[in-house]
Amino acid sequence: MAEKPEKIVFKTNTDEEIEFYVVEQTRINDVNYILVTDSMEDEAEAWILKETVNEEGASDVVYSEIEDETELEAISRVFSEILDDIDIEM
């Protein structure tokens, strides 16, 4: 039986809470990336988020969308290789 993906709750800048499923995660060049989706159904929307440093010594982890297109394409390819059965379209 396949393991159910972990669900994670994000708090936005406006303190709104949003739930996502964590499909996969990876670490490249000491940076953590996660692939999340809003649903586990076919054709669900997915985002690749990058862990960023918020404030020195802060206990909260901050994830943000990748703004650099080259970095996003490279990380998308990594997730595509890790997850052969998932097609990531940008």
Protein backbone atom coordinates (compact mmCIF):
# COMPACT_ATOMS: atom_id res chain seq x y z
CA MET A 1 0.00 0.00 0.00
CA ALA A 2 1.40 3.42 -0.97
CA GLU A 3 2.27 5.82 1.81
CA LYS A 4 -0.05 8.83 2.08
CA PRO A 5 1.79 12.14 1.55
CA GLU A 6 2.36 14.34 4.56
CA LYS A 7 0.04 17.33 4.89
CA ILE A 8 1.59 20.63 5.91
CA VAL A 9 -0.02 23.91 6.93
CA PHE A 10 1.47 27.18 5.71
CA LYS A 11 0.70 30.54 7.20
CA THR A 12 0.71 33.42 4.72
CA ASN A 13 1.89 36.97 5.39
CA THR A 14 -1.73 37.82 6.21
CA ASP A 15 -1.92 34.94 8.76
CA GLU A 16 -4.19 32.91 6.47
CA GLU A 17 -3.57 29.16 6.79
CA ILE A 18 -3.28 27.02 3.65
CA GLU A 19 -2.88 23.23 3.61
CA PHE A 20 -0.73 21.41 1.07
CA TYR A 21 0.37 17.83 0.54
CA VAL A 22 4.14 17.37 0.43
CA VAL A 23 4.77 15.13 -2.57
CA GLU A 24 8.57 15.12 -2.42
CA GLN A 25 11.50 17.02 -1.02
CA THR A 26 15.14 17.36 -1.96
CA ARG A 27 18.25 19.23 -0.87
CA ILE A 28 20.59 20.75 -3.47
CA ASN A 29 23.64 22.88 -2.65
CA ASP A 30 22.55 23.12 1.00
CA VAL A 31 19.10 24.46 0.03
CA ASN A 32 15.87 22.56 0.79
CA TYR A 33 13.14 22.38 -1.85
CA ILE A 34 9.68 20.83 -1.52
CA LEU A 35 7.13 19.88 -4.14
CA VAL A 36 3.63 20.52 -2.79
CA THR A 37 0.14 20.15 -4.21
CA ASP A 38 -3.30 21.31 -3.17
CA SER A 39 -4.88 17.93 -3.95
CA MET A 40 -3.84 14.35 -4.55
CA GLU A 41 -6.21 14.07 -7.54
CA ASP A 42 -5.06 13.98 -11.18
CA GLU A 43 -4.36 17.37 -12.76
CA ALA A 44 -3.82 19.02 -9.35
CA GLU A 45 -1.88 22.25 -9.12
CA ALA A 46 1.63 21.91 -7.74
CA TRP A 47 4.33 24.30 -6.61
CA ILE A 48 8.02 23.97 -5.95
CA LEU A 49 8.95 25.95 -2.88
CA LYS A 50 12.39 26.94 -1.67
CA GLU A 51 13.35 27.14 1.99
CA THR A 52 14.72 30.58 2.72
CA VAL A 53 16.34 32.14 5.74
CA ASN A 54 13.93 34.55 7.39
CA GLU A 55 15.83 36.03 10.31
CA GLU A 56 18.92 34.79 12.03
CA GLY A 57 17.89 32.59 14.92
CA ALA A 58 14.22 32.46 13.86
CA SER A 59 12.50 29.19 14.71
CA ASP A 60 9.98 29.36 11.85
CA VAL A 61 10.85 27.86 8.49
CA VAL A 62 10.01 30.08 5.53
CA TYR A 63 9.21 28.65 2.09
CA SER A 64 8.74 30.82 -0.96
CA GLU A 65 8.20 30.38 -4.66
CA ILE A 66 11.32 30.26 -6.80
CA GLU A 67 11.63 33.52 -8.71
CA ASP A 68 14.66 32.68 -10.87
CA GLU A 69 13.45 30.84 -14.01
CA THR A 70 16.76 29.00 -14.52
CA GLU A 71 16.73 27.71 -10.95
CA LEU A 72 13.06 26.71 -11.25
CA GLU A 73 13.71 24.75 -14.47
CA ALA A 74 16.68 22.95 -12.92
CA ILE A 75 14.79 21.99 -9.76
CA SER A 76 11.76 20.92 -11.85
CA ARG A 77 14.00 18.52 -13.77
CA VAL A 78 15.31 17.08 -10.50
CA PHE A 79 11.79 16.44 -9.21
CA SER A 80 10.79 14.95 -12.59
CA GLU A 81 13.68 12.48 -12.33
CA ILE A 82 12.85 11.60 -8.72
CA LEU A 83 9.17 11.07 -9.56
CA ASP A 84 9.07 9.28 -12.92
CA ASP A 85 5.27 8.91 -12.81
CA ILE A 86 4.54 12.63 -12.32
CA ASP A 87 4.66 15.13 -15.16
CA ILE A 88 5.68 18.61 -14.02
CA GLU A 89 4.57 21.36 -16.37
CA MET A 90 5.62 24.97 -15.91
